[in-house]
């Protein structure tokens, strides 16, 4: 998975966002919620941890 995409920010209300390719979200099994962490050299985005069922 070494595809590089140049993205521009888009205005979403008072915030800004970026569009992520659907094929990437599907490939990584992302659901409607994500966890984001800021690090010194970038942002880490990963699927939200789900509570264990049962």
Protein backbone atom coordinates (compact mmCIF):
# COMPACT_ATOMS: atom_id res chain seq x y z
CA UNK A 1 0.00 0.00 0.00
CA UNK A 2 2.30 2.73 -1.25
CA UNK A 3 -0.16 4.91 -3.13
CA UNK A 4 0.43 8.62 -2.65
CA UNK A 5 -2.49 11.02 -2.97
CA UNK A 6 -2.25 14.79 -2.71
CA UNK A 7 -5.30 16.12 -0.88
CA UNK A 8 -6.53 19.62 -0.15
CA UNK A 9 -8.44 20.61 2.93
CA UNK A 10 -12.14 21.37 2.51
CA UNK A 11 -14.31 23.60 4.67
CA UNK A 12 -16.75 21.64 6.85
CA UNK A 13 -18.66 24.15 8.95
CA UNK A 14 -16.16 25.93 11.24
CA UNK A 15 -13.63 23.08 10.76
CA UNK A 16 -11.59 21.70 7.91
CA UNK A 17 -11.32 18.14 6.66
CA UNK A 18 -9.84 15.95 3.98
CA UNK A 19 -11.45 13.30 1.80
CA UNK A 20 -10.02 9.80 2.17
CA UNK A 21 -10.37 7.40 -0.77
CA UNK A 22 -13.17 4.90 -0.12
CA UNK A 23 -11.02 2.04 -1.37
CA UNK A 24 -8.50 2.82 1.41
CA UNK A 25 -11.21 2.92 4.07
CA UNK A 26 -12.60 -0.41 2.84
CA UNK A 27 -9.15 -1.96 2.60
CA UNK A 28 -8.35 -0.94 6.20
CA UNK A 29 -11.80 -1.95 7.53
CA UNK A 30 -12.60 1.55 8.80
CA UNK A 31 -16.10 2.00 10.16
CA UNK A 32 -17.92 5.27 10.81
CA UNK A 33 -15.65 6.19 13.76
CA UNK A 34 -11.88 6.67 13.81
CA UNK A 35 -9.23 7.39 16.42
CA UNK A 36 -6.79 10.18 15.59
CA UNK A 37 -3.50 10.92 17.32
CA UNK A 38 -1.17 13.85 16.68
CA UNK A 39 2.51 13.01 16.62
CA UNK A 40 5.52 15.23 16.00
CA UNK A 41 5.70 14.40 12.30
CA UNK A 42 2.08 13.72 11.39
CA UNK A 43 -1.35 12.42 12.26
CA UNK A 44 -2.13 8.75 12.90
CA UNK A 45 -5.66 7.67 11.92
CA UNK A 46 -6.88 4.18 12.79
CA UNK A 47 -10.20 2.41 13.23
CA UNK A 48 -11.87 3.19 16.54
CA UNK A 49 -11.42 0.53 19.19
CA UNK A 50 -14.70 -1.23 19.70
CA UNK A 51 -15.94 -2.51 23.03
CA UNK A 52 -15.81 -6.26 23.22
CA UNK A 53 -19.24 -7.80 22.69
CA UNK A 54 -20.47 -10.48 25.05
